[in-house]
Amino acid sequence: MTTLEELKTSINVNIESLKVVVTSLETKNFITTIEPLKDEAGKEIGYKITFQTGESITIKHGNDGIDGNDGIDGEDGIDGVDGLTPIIGVAPGEDGIYYWTVDGEFLTDNQGEKIPVTGPQGDPGEDGKDGINAITPQLRINHITKIWEVSIDNGQTWTEMKDANGDFINATGGARSSR
């Protein structure tokens, strides 16, 4: 489970980095440098990308996992289903605005509306601070069900993620269900 928690943290950092890239694209904040990141042994593990404003992001490569021992076939003699990691991305809509995607499909809110990566600057609130209109999805793995969950309200509520077939996305493998 520790490895899955590390994966979840890495995915959420990469989602935040993706948002910075889209914001920079929209504001014409161009990349000025790309530097490889290396571990203690000198192996490349990712990149540090710096924009003309001085803001930078870090994107790390995924780690190759080692093969585990073969499990016992199920009663029907068929191997169990591998665990999956949802692929978070962005894609332009017909209106030219970039929206969040999960496994190539647009991520939608509770009203079925696509969720934009960035939004127009909100009006100042009562406290004088600017409002926030864009949402950055967060992912986690439910510790009990081992199913990937997504939050589109800064972690206040979580929804179990489903694949294109309507099956829940299980992070650890095993049987998939449509509960």
N, C-alpha and C. Protein backbone atom coordinates (compact mmCIF):
# COMPACT_ATOMS: atom_id res chain seq x y z
N MET A 1 0.82 -1.20 0.00
CA MET A 1 0.00 0.00 0.00
C MET A 1 0.87 1.26 0.00
N THR A 2 2.07 1.18 0.59
CA THR A 2 2.97 2.34 0.60
C THR A 2 3.33 2.75 -0.81
N THR A 3 3.60 1.78 -1.68
CA THR A 3 3.93 2.08 -3.08
C THR A 3 2.76 2.78 -3.76
N LEU A 4 1.53 2.35 -3.48
CA LEU A 4 0.35 2.99 -4.08
C LEU A 4 0.19 4.42 -3.57
N GLU A 5 0.48 4.66 -2.29
CA GLU A 5 0.40 6.01 -1.75
C GLU A 5 1.43 6.92 -2.41
N GLU A 6 2.64 6.39 -2.64
CA GLU A 6 3.67 7.16 -3.34
C GLU A 6 3.23 7.47 -4.76
N LEU A 7 2.61 6.49 -5.43
CA LEU A 7 2.09 6.68 -6.79
C LEU A 7 1.04 7.77 -6.79
N LYS A 8 0.10 7.73 -5.84
CA LYS A 8 -0.96 8.73 -5.74
C LYS A 8 -0.36 10.13 -5.57
N THR A 9 0.63 10.26 -4.69
CA THR A 9 1.26 11.56 -4.46
C THR A 9 1.94 12.06 -5.73
N SER A 10 2.65 11.18 -6.41
CA SER A 10 3.33 11.55 -7.65
C SER A 10 2.33 11.98 -8.72
N ILE A 11 1.22 11.25 -8.83
CA ILE A 11 0.19 11.60 -9.82
C ILE A 11 -0.38 12.98 -9.51
N ASN A 12 -0.68 13.26 -8.25
CA ASN A 12 -1.26 14.56 -7.90
C ASN A 12 -0.27 15.71 -8.16
N VAL A 13 1.03 15.48 -7.93
CA VAL A 13 2.04 16.50 -8.26
C VAL A 13 2.08 16.73 -9.76
N ASN A 14 2.03 15.64 -10.55
CA ASN A 14 2.04 15.78 -12.00
C ASN A 14 0.79 16.46 -12.52
N ILE A 15 -0.37 16.25 -11.87
CA ILE A 15 -1.60 16.95 -12.26
C ILE A 15 -1.44 18.45 -12.05
N GLU A 16 -0.89 18.84 -10.90
CA GLU A 16 -0.64 20.26 -10.64
C GLU A 16 0.31 20.84 -11.68
N SER A 17 1.35 20.09 -12.04
CA SER A 17 2.31 20.54 -13.05
C SER A 17 1.64 20.71 -14.40
N LEU A 18 0.75 19.80 -14.74
CA LEU A 18 0.01 19.89 -16.00
C LEU A 18 -0.83 21.16 -16.05
N LYS A 19 -1.42 21.52 -14.92
CA LYS A 19 -2.20 22.75 -14.85
C LYS A 19 -1.30 23.97 -15.12
N VAL A 20 -0.11 23.97 -14.55
CA VAL A 20 0.83 25.08 -14.78
C VAL A 20 1.18 25.18 -16.26
N VAL A 21 1.39 24.04 -16.91
CA VAL A 21 1.72 24.04 -18.34
C VAL A 21 0.59 24.66 -19.16
N VAL A 22 -0.66 24.26 -18.88
CA VAL A 22 -1.80 24.80 -19.63
C VAL A 22 -1.95 26.30 -19.35
N THR A 23 -1.82 26.70 -18.09
CA THR A 23 -1.91 28.13 -17.76
C THR A 23 -0.84 28.92 -18.50
N SER A 24 0.38 28.38 -18.54
CA SER A 24 1.47 29.04 -19.25
C SER A 24 1.19 29.12 -20.74
N LEU A 25 0.61 28.09 -21.31
CA LEU A 25 0.23 28.10 -22.73
C LEU A 25 -0.78 29.21 -23.00
N GLU A 26 -1.79 29.29 -22.14
CA GLU A 26 -2.84 30.30 -22.34
C GLU A 26 -2.35 31.72 -22.13
N THR A 27 -1.38 31.92 -21.24
CA THR A 27 -0.88 33.27 -20.95
C THR A 27 0.39 33.59 -21.72
N LYS A 28 0.77 32.67 -22.61
CA LYS A 28 1.98 32.84 -23.43
C LYS A 28 3.24 33.00 -22.57
N ASN A 29 3.28 32.28 -21.44
CA ASN A 29 4.42 32.23 -20.55
C ASN A 29 5.29 31.07 -21.02
N PHE A 30 6.26 31.34 -21.84
CA PHE A 30 7.00 30.31 -22.54
C PHE A 30 8.05 29.63 -21.66
N ILE A 31 8.40 28.41 -22.04
CA ILE A 31 9.45 27.66 -21.36
C ILE A 31 10.80 28.26 -21.74
N THR A 32 11.64 28.48 -20.74
CA THR A 32 12.98 29.02 -21.01
C THR A 32 14.06 27.95 -20.86
N THR A 33 13.88 26.99 -19.92
CA THR A 33 14.86 25.93 -19.76
C THR A 33 14.17 24.62 -19.37
N ILE A 34 14.80 23.54 -19.79
CA ILE A 34 14.40 22.20 -19.36
C ILE A 34 15.68 21.52 -18.89
N GLU A 35 15.68 21.15 -17.60
CA GLU A 35 16.86 20.52 -17.02
C GLU A 35 16.52 19.11 -16.57
N PRO A 36 17.36 18.13 -16.93
CA PRO A 36 17.11 16.78 -16.44
C PRO A 36 17.34 16.71 -14.93
N LEU A 37 16.51 15.94 -14.24
CA LEU A 37 16.70 15.66 -12.81
C LEU A 37 17.36 14.30 -12.69
N LYS A 38 18.31 14.17 -11.78
CA LYS A 38 19.02 12.91 -11.61
C LYS A 38 19.00 12.49 -10.15
N ASP A 39 19.02 11.18 -9.94
CA ASP A 39 19.08 10.68 -8.57
C ASP A 39 20.54 10.64 -8.12
N GLU A 40 20.79 10.10 -6.92
CA GLU A 40 22.14 10.08 -6.36
C GLU A 40 23.12 9.32 -7.24
N ALA A 41 22.62 8.33 -7.97
CA ALA A 41 23.49 7.51 -8.83
C ALA A 41 23.70 8.12 -10.21
N GLY A 42 23.07 9.27 -10.47
CA GLY A 42 23.22 9.93 -11.76
C GLY A 42 22.22 9.50 -12.82
N LYS A 43 21.25 8.66 -12.44
CA LYS A 43 20.23 8.21 -13.38
C LYS A 43 19.17 9.30 -13.52
N GLU A 44 18.77 9.57 -14.79
CA GLU A 44 17.73 10.57 -15.03
C GLU A 44 16.39 10.08 -14.49
N ILE A 45 15.73 10.94 -13.67
CA ILE A 45 14.45 10.55 -13.07
C ILE A 45 13.31 11.50 -13.44
N GLY A 46 13.61 12.53 -14.23
CA GLY A 46 12.56 13.47 -14.62
C GLY A 46 13.16 14.76 -15.14
N TYR A 47 12.34 15.82 -15.11
CA TYR A 47 12.77 17.12 -15.63
C TYR A 47 12.28 18.25 -14.75
N LYS A 48 13.06 19.33 -14.71
CA LYS A 48 12.63 20.58 -14.11
C LYS A 48 12.43 21.54 -15.28
N ILE A 49 11.21 22.06 -15.41
CA ILE A 49 10.87 22.96 -16.51
C ILE A 49 10.67 24.35 -15.93
N THR A 50 11.39 25.33 -16.46
CA THR A 50 11.31 26.71 -15.96
C THR A 50 10.70 27.59 -17.03
N PHE A 51 9.77 28.46 -16.62
CA PHE A 51 9.08 29.38 -17.52
C PHE A 51 9.69 30.77 -17.41
N GLN A 52 9.36 31.64 -18.38
CA GLN A 52 9.96 32.97 -18.42
C GLN A 52 9.63 33.80 -17.18
N THR A 53 8.54 33.48 -16.47
CA THR A 53 8.21 34.20 -15.23
C THR A 53 9.08 33.76 -14.07
N GLY A 54 9.86 32.70 -14.25
CA GLY A 54 10.69 32.16 -13.18
C GLY A 54 10.03 30.99 -12.46
N GLU A 55 8.72 30.80 -12.69
CA GLU A 55 8.03 29.66 -12.09
C GLU A 55 8.55 28.38 -12.72
N SER A 56 8.67 27.32 -11.91
CA SER A 56 9.13 26.05 -12.46
C SER A 56 8.26 24.91 -11.94
N ILE A 57 8.29 23.83 -12.69
CA ILE A 57 7.58 22.61 -12.30
C ILE A 57 8.54 21.44 -12.42
N THR A 58 8.22 20.38 -11.72
CA THR A 58 9.00 19.16 -11.78
C THR A 58 8.09 18.05 -12.26
N ILE A 59 8.56 17.31 -13.25
CA ILE A 59 7.83 16.15 -13.75
C ILE A 59 8.77 14.97 -13.65
N LYS A 60 8.33 13.92 -12.94
CA LYS A 60 9.18 12.75 -12.75
C LYS A 60 8.68 11.59 -13.59
N HIS A 61 9.65 10.79 -14.04
CA HIS A 61 9.33 9.56 -14.76
C HIS A 61 8.68 8.59 -13.78
N GLY A 62 7.87 7.69 -14.30
CA GLY A 62 7.35 6.61 -13.47
C GLY A 62 8.45 5.60 -13.19
N ASN A 63 8.26 4.80 -12.18
CA ASN A 63 9.24 3.76 -11.85
C ASN A 63 8.80 2.44 -12.44
N ASP A 64 9.78 1.70 -12.98
CA ASP A 64 9.48 0.34 -13.44
C ASP A 64 9.30 -0.52 -12.21
N GLY A 65 8.19 -1.18 -12.13
CA GLY A 65 7.96 -2.11 -11.03
C GLY A 65 8.60 -3.45 -11.34
N ILE A 66 8.87 -4.20 -10.29
CA ILE A 66 9.42 -5.53 -10.52
C ILE A 66 8.26 -6.51 -10.61
N ASP A 67 8.46 -7.55 -11.39
CA ASP A 67 7.43 -8.57 -11.52
C ASP A 67 7.24 -9.28 -10.19
N GLY A 68 6.00 -9.47 -9.82
CA GLY A 68 5.69 -10.22 -8.62
C GLY A 68 5.59 -11.69 -8.94
N ASN A 69 5.42 -12.49 -7.90
CA ASN A 69 5.24 -13.93 -8.10
C ASN A 69 3.87 -14.17 -8.69
N ASP A 70 3.78 -15.17 -9.56
CA ASP A 70 2.49 -15.52 -10.14
C ASP A 70 1.55 -15.97 -9.02
N GLY A 71 0.35 -15.47 -9.06
CA GLY A 71 -0.66 -15.88 -8.09
C GLY A 71 -1.34 -17.16 -8.53
N ILE A 72 -2.19 -17.63 -7.68
CA ILE A 72 -2.94 -18.84 -7.98
C ILE A 72 -4.11 -18.47 -8.87
N ASP A 73 -4.34 -19.26 -9.91
CA ASP A 73 -5.49 -19.01 -10.78
C ASP A 73 -6.78 -19.09 -9.99
N GLY A 74 -7.76 -18.34 -10.42
CA GLY A 74 -9.07 -18.38 -9.78
C GLY A 74 -9.75 -19.71 -10.04
N GLU A 75 -10.92 -19.89 -9.46
CA GLU A 75 -11.65 -21.15 -9.58
C GLU A 75 -11.91 -21.51 -11.04
N ASP A 76 -12.01 -20.48 -11.90
CA ASP A 76 -12.28 -20.76 -13.30
C ASP A 76 -10.99 -20.95 -14.11
N GLY A 77 -9.83 -20.92 -13.41
CA GLY A 77 -8.55 -21.13 -14.07
C GLY A 77 -8.01 -19.91 -14.78
N ILE A 78 -8.64 -18.75 -14.61
CA ILE A 78 -8.22 -17.52 -15.29
C ILE A 78 -7.55 -16.60 -14.29
N ASP A 79 -6.44 -15.98 -14.72
CA ASP A 79 -5.75 -15.02 -13.85
C ASP A 79 -6.67 -13.87 -13.49
N GLY A 80 -6.40 -13.23 -12.34
CA GLY A 80 -7.16 -12.06 -11.91
C GLY A 80 -6.83 -10.84 -12.75
N VAL A 81 -7.57 -9.79 -12.59
CA VAL A 81 -7.41 -8.55 -13.34
C VAL A 81 -6.30 -7.71 -12.69
N ASP A 82 -5.42 -7.15 -13.52
CA ASP A 82 -4.37 -6.27 -13.01
C ASP A 82 -4.98 -4.98 -12.48
N GLY A 83 -4.30 -4.36 -11.51
CA GLY A 83 -4.71 -3.04 -11.04
C GLY A 83 -4.44 -2.01 -12.13
N LEU A 84 -5.15 -0.91 -12.10
CA LEU A 84 -5.01 0.14 -13.10
C LEU A 84 -4.74 1.48 -12.44
N THR A 85 -4.10 2.36 -13.17
CA THR A 85 -3.93 3.74 -12.74
C THR A 85 -4.59 4.61 -13.78
N PRO A 86 -5.57 5.44 -13.38
CA PRO A 86 -6.23 6.31 -14.35
C PRO A 86 -5.23 7.31 -14.95
N ILE A 87 -5.38 7.60 -16.23
CA ILE A 87 -4.49 8.54 -16.91
C ILE A 87 -5.18 9.90 -16.95
N ILE A 88 -4.62 10.86 -16.23
CA ILE A 88 -5.16 12.22 -16.17
C ILE A 88 -4.47 13.05 -17.24
N GLY A 89 -5.24 13.79 -18.02
CA GLY A 89 -4.68 14.63 -19.07
C GLY A 89 -5.53 15.85 -19.29
N VAL A 90 -5.25 16.56 -20.35
CA VAL A 90 -6.03 17.72 -20.76
C VAL A 90 -6.27 17.63 -22.25
N ALA A 91 -7.37 18.21 -22.69
CA ALA A 91 -7.68 18.25 -24.12
C ALA A 91 -8.50 19.50 -24.38
N PRO A 92 -8.30 20.11 -25.56
CA PRO A 92 -9.12 21.28 -25.88
C PRO A 92 -10.54 20.86 -26.25
N GLY A 93 -11.51 21.62 -25.77
CA GLY A 93 -12.90 21.41 -26.17
C GLY A 93 -13.17 22.12 -27.48
N GLU A 94 -14.38 21.99 -27.98
CA GLU A 94 -14.76 22.66 -29.24
C GLU A 94 -14.66 24.17 -29.12
N ASP A 95 -14.73 24.68 -27.87
CA ASP A 95 -14.66 26.11 -27.63
C ASP A 95 -13.22 26.62 -27.49
N GLY A 96 -12.22 25.72 -27.64
CA GLY A 96 -10.82 26.12 -27.54
C GLY A 96 -10.29 26.15 -26.11
N ILE A 97 -11.13 25.90 -25.13
CA ILE A 97 -10.72 25.88 -23.73
C ILE A 97 -10.20 24.48 -23.41
N TYR A 98 -9.14 24.40 -22.61
CA TYR A 98 -8.60 23.11 -22.20
C TYR A 98 -9.39 22.58 -21.00
N TYR A 99 -9.74 21.28 -21.08
CA TYR A 99 -10.51 20.63 -20.03
C TYR A 99 -9.75 19.40 -19.53
N TRP A 100 -9.99 19.02 -18.26
CA TRP A 100 -9.39 17.82 -17.69
C TRP A 100 -9.99 16.58 -18.33
N THR A 101 -9.15 15.56 -18.53
CA THR A 101 -9.62 14.27 -19.04
C THR A 101 -9.15 13.15 -18.11
N VAL A 102 -9.88 12.06 -18.12
CA VAL A 102 -9.48 10.83 -17.43
C VAL A 102 -9.59 9.71 -18.46
N ASP A 103 -8.47 9.06 -18.71
CA ASP A 103 -8.40 7.99 -19.71
C ASP A 103 -8.97 8.45 -21.06
N GLY A 104 -8.68 9.70 -21.43
CA GLY A 104 -9.08 10.24 -22.73
C GLY A 104 -10.48 10.80 -22.79
N GLU A 105 -11.28 10.63 -21.74
CA GLU A 105 -12.65 11.15 -21.70
C GLU A 105 -12.69 12.40 -20.82
N PHE A 106 -13.50 13.38 -21.20
CA PHE A 106 -13.59 14.60 -20.40
C PHE A 106 -14.11 14.29 -19.00
N LEU A 107 -13.47 14.86 -17.98
CA LEU A 107 -13.92 14.77 -16.60
C LEU A 107 -15.05 15.77 -16.43
N THR A 108 -16.15 15.35 -15.84
CA THR A 108 -17.30 16.24 -15.69
C THR A 108 -17.65 16.43 -14.22
N ASP A 109 -18.34 17.53 -13.94
CA ASP A 109 -18.80 17.80 -12.58
C ASP A 109 -20.14 17.12 -12.35
N ASN A 110 -20.77 17.40 -11.22
CA ASN A 110 -22.04 16.75 -10.88
C ASN A 110 -23.18 17.13 -11.82
N GLN A 111 -23.02 18.22 -12.57
CA GLN A 111 -24.04 18.64 -13.53
C GLN A 111 -23.72 18.16 -14.94
N GLY A 112 -22.64 17.36 -15.08
CA GLY A 112 -22.27 16.83 -16.39
C GLY A 112 -21.47 17.81 -17.25
N GLU A 113 -21.02 18.92 -16.66
CA GLU A 113 -20.25 19.92 -17.40
C GLU A 113 -18.76 19.57 -17.35
N LYS A 114 -18.06 19.77 -18.49
CA LYS A 114 -16.62 19.55 -18.53
C LYS A 114 -15.94 20.51 -17.55
N ILE A 115 -14.86 20.05 -16.93
CA ILE A 115 -14.14 20.85 -15.93
C ILE A 115 -12.93 21.51 -16.58
N PRO A 116 -12.92 22.86 -16.68
CA PRO A 116 -11.78 23.54 -17.32
C PRO A 116 -10.53 23.47 -16.45
N VAL A 117 -9.37 23.44 -17.11
CA VAL A 117 -8.10 23.42 -16.40
C VAL A 117 -7.84 24.77 -15.76
N THR A 118 -8.15 25.83 -16.48
CA THR A 118 -8.00 27.17 -15.95
C THR A 118 -9.32 27.90 -16.14
N GLY A 119 -9.47 28.97 -15.42
CA GLY A 119 -10.69 29.74 -15.53
C GLY A 119 -10.38 31.22 -15.55
N PRO A 120 -11.38 32.03 -15.88
CA PRO A 120 -11.16 33.46 -15.83
C PRO A 120 -10.93 33.89 -14.40
N GLN A 121 -10.21 34.95 -14.22
CA GLN A 121 -9.95 35.45 -12.87
C GLN A 121 -11.27 35.81 -12.22
N GLY A 122 -11.49 35.29 -11.05
CA GLY A 122 -12.72 35.58 -10.32
C GLY A 122 -12.76 37.00 -9.79
N ASP A 123 -13.93 37.47 -9.45
CA ASP A 123 -14.08 38.80 -8.84
C ASP A 123 -13.52 38.78 -7.43
N PRO A 124 -13.03 39.93 -6.95
CA PRO A 124 -12.55 39.97 -5.57
C PRO A 124 -13.68 39.60 -4.60
N GLY A 125 -13.31 38.80 -3.61
CA GLY A 125 -14.27 38.43 -2.58
C GLY A 125 -14.39 39.52 -1.53
N GLU A 126 -15.21 39.26 -0.53
CA GLU A 126 -15.42 40.24 0.53
C GLU A 126 -14.13 40.56 1.27
N ASP A 127 -13.21 39.58 1.33
CA ASP A 127 -11.95 39.80 2.04
C ASP A 127 -10.90 40.47 1.16
N GLY A 128 -11.27 40.84 -0.08
CA GLY A 128 -10.36 41.52 -0.99
C GLY A 128 -9.50 40.57 -1.82
N LYS A 129 -9.59 39.28 -1.56
CA LYS A 129 -8.82 38.31 -2.33
C LYS A 129 -9.59 37.93 -3.58
N ASP A 130 -8.84 37.59 -4.65
CA ASP A 130 -9.47 37.18 -5.89
C ASP A 130 -10.12 35.82 -5.73
N GLY A 131 -11.22 35.63 -6.41
CA GLY A 131 -11.91 34.34 -6.40
C GLY A 131 -11.17 33.34 -7.26
N ILE A 132 -11.50 32.08 -7.09
CA ILE A 132 -10.87 31.01 -7.86
C ILE A 132 -11.96 30.26 -8.61
N ASN A 133 -11.82 30.15 -9.93
CA ASN A 133 -12.85 29.49 -10.72
C ASN A 133 -12.43 28.12 -11.24
N ALA A 134 -11.15 27.90 -11.47
CA ALA A 134 -10.70 26.63 -12.04
C ALA A 134 -10.57 25.58 -10.94
N ILE A 135 -10.73 24.32 -11.32
CA ILE A 135 -10.65 23.20 -10.40
C ILE A 135 -9.50 22.30 -10.83
N THR A 136 -8.72 21.84 -9.88
CA THR A 136 -7.70 20.84 -10.16
C THR A 136 -8.12 19.55 -9.48
N PRO A 137 -8.37 18.49 -10.25
CA PRO A 137 -8.79 17.24 -9.63
C PRO A 137 -7.68 16.66 -8.77
N GLN A 138 -8.07 15.94 -7.72
CA GLN A 138 -7.14 15.23 -6.86
C GLN A 138 -7.54 13.75 -6.88
N LEU A 139 -6.55 12.88 -6.80
CA LEU A 139 -6.82 11.44 -6.79
C LEU A 139 -6.37 10.85 -5.47
N ARG A 140 -7.03 9.76 -5.08
CA ARG A 140 -6.60 8.97 -3.94
C ARG A 140 -7.09 7.54 -4.15
N ILE A 141 -6.57 6.65 -3.34
CA ILE A 141 -7.00 5.26 -3.36
C ILE A 141 -7.74 5.01 -2.05
N ASN A 142 -8.98 4.52 -2.13
CA ASN A 142 -9.75 4.21 -0.93
C ASN A 142 -9.05 3.06 -0.22
N HIS A 143 -8.69 3.26 1.05
CA HIS A 143 -7.93 2.26 1.79
C HIS A 143 -8.72 0.98 2.03
N ILE A 144 -10.04 1.06 2.02
CA ILE A 144 -10.85 -0.13 2.27
C ILE A 144 -11.16 -0.87 0.98
N THR A 145 -11.69 -0.14 -0.03
CA THR A 145 -12.11 -0.80 -1.28
C THR A 145 -10.98 -0.95 -2.28
N LYS A 146 -9.89 -0.18 -2.13
CA LYS A 146 -8.74 -0.16 -3.06
C LYS A 146 -9.14 0.35 -4.44
N ILE A 147 -10.18 1.15 -4.50
CA ILE A 147 -10.66 1.74 -5.75
C ILE A 147 -10.17 3.19 -5.83
N TRP A 148 -9.73 3.60 -7.03
CA TRP A 148 -9.32 4.99 -7.25
C TRP A 148 -10.53 5.90 -7.05
N GLU A 149 -10.30 7.05 -6.39
CA GLU A 149 -11.34 8.06 -6.19
C GLU A 149 -10.82 9.40 -6.66
N VAL A 150 -11.74 10.26 -7.11
CA VAL A 150 -11.40 11.60 -7.57
C VAL A 150 -12.21 12.62 -6.79
N SER A 151 -11.55 13.75 -6.48
CA SER A 151 -12.24 14.88 -5.86
C SER A 151 -12.12 16.08 -6.78
N ILE A 152 -13.24 16.78 -6.98
CA ILE A 152 -13.21 18.00 -7.79
C ILE A 152 -13.61 19.20 -6.94
N ASP A 153 -13.47 19.05 -5.60
CA ASP A 153 -13.79 20.16 -4.69
C ASP A 153 -12.76 20.27 -3.57
N ASN A 154 -11.48 20.13 -3.95
CA ASN A 154 -10.35 20.25 -3.02
C ASN A 154 -10.40 19.24 -1.89
N GLY A 155 -10.86 18.03 -2.18
CA GLY A 155 -10.84 16.97 -1.20
C GLY A 155 -11.99 16.94 -0.21
N GLN A 156 -13.01 17.77 -0.43
CA GLN A 156 -14.15 17.75 0.48
C GLN A 156 -15.00 16.50 0.26
N THR A 157 -15.20 16.10 -1.00
CA THR A 157 -15.94 14.88 -1.31
C THR A 157 -15.14 14.07 -2.32
N TRP A 158 -15.37 12.76 -2.32
CA TRP A 158 -14.65 11.85 -3.20
C TRP A 158 -15.63 10.95 -3.91
N THR A 159 -15.36 10.68 -5.20
CA THR A 159 -16.20 9.83 -6.02
C THR A 159 -15.35 8.69 -6.56
N GLU A 160 -15.86 7.46 -6.47
CA GLU A 160 -15.15 6.31 -7.02
C GLU A 160 -15.09 6.45 -8.54
N MET A 161 -13.92 6.15 -9.11
CA MET A 161 -13.72 6.31 -10.54
C MET A 161 -14.13 5.03 -11.27
N LYS A 162 -14.71 5.22 -12.45
CA LYS A 162 -15.13 4.10 -13.29
C LYS A 162 -14.44 4.21 -14.65
N ASP A 163 -14.26 3.06 -15.29
CA ASP A 163 -13.69 3.05 -16.63
C ASP A 163 -14.80 3.25 -17.66
N ALA A 164 -14.44 3.19 -18.93
CA ALA A 164 -15.42 3.43 -20.00
C ALA A 164 -16.55 2.40 -20.00
N ASN A 165 -16.34 1.24 -19.39
CA ASN A 165 -17.37 0.20 -19.32
C ASN A 165 -18.27 0.35 -18.09
N GLY A 166 -17.99 1.35 -17.26
CA GLY A 166 -18.79 1.54 -16.05
C GLY A 166 -18.31 0.73 -14.87
N ASP A 167 -17.14 0.07 -15.00
CA ASP A 167 -16.58 -0.71 -13.90
C ASP A 167 -15.68 0.18 -13.05
N PHE A 168 -15.67 -0.06 -11.75
CA PHE A 168 -14.80 0.70 -10.86
C PHE A 168 -13.35 0.39 -11.18
N ILE A 169 -12.46 1.41 -11.05
CA ILE A 169 -11.05 1.24 -11.35
C ILE A 169 -10.34 0.83 -10.07
N ASN A 170 -9.94 -0.44 -10.01
CA ASN A 170 -9.30 -1.02 -8.85
C ASN A 170 -7.80 -0.81 -8.94
N ALA A 171 -7.20 -0.22 -7.90
CA ALA A 171 -5.77 0.10 -7.92
C ALA A 171 -4.88 -1.11 -7.69
N THR A 172 -5.41 -2.16 -7.08
CA THR A 172 -4.56 -3.28 -6.71
C THR A 172 -4.84 -4.55 -7.48
N GLY A 173 -5.72 -4.53 -8.43
CA GLY A 173 -6.05 -5.74 -9.17
C GLY A 173 -7.19 -6.47 -8.52
N GLY A 174 -7.40 -7.66 -8.94
CA GLY A 174 -8.53 -8.42 -8.41
C GLY A 174 -9.75 -8.20 -9.28
N ALA A 175 -10.85 -8.68 -8.83
CA ALA A 175 -12.08 -8.59 -9.62
C ALA A 175 -12.55 -7.15 -9.74
N ARG A 176 -13.09 -6.81 -10.90
CA ARG A 176 -13.69 -5.51 -11.13
C ARG A 176 -15.16 -5.66 -10.89
N SER A 177 -15.78 -4.61 -10.42
CA SER A 177 -17.22 -4.72 -10.19
C SER A 177 -17.92 -3.46 -10.65
N SER A 178 -19.20 -3.60 -10.90
CA SER A 178 -19.99 -2.44 -11.29
C SER A 178 -20.93 -2.07 -10.15
N ARG A 179 -20.69 -2.65 -8.98
CA ARG A 179 -21.43 -2.42 -7.75
C ARG A 179 -22.81 -1.89 -7.98
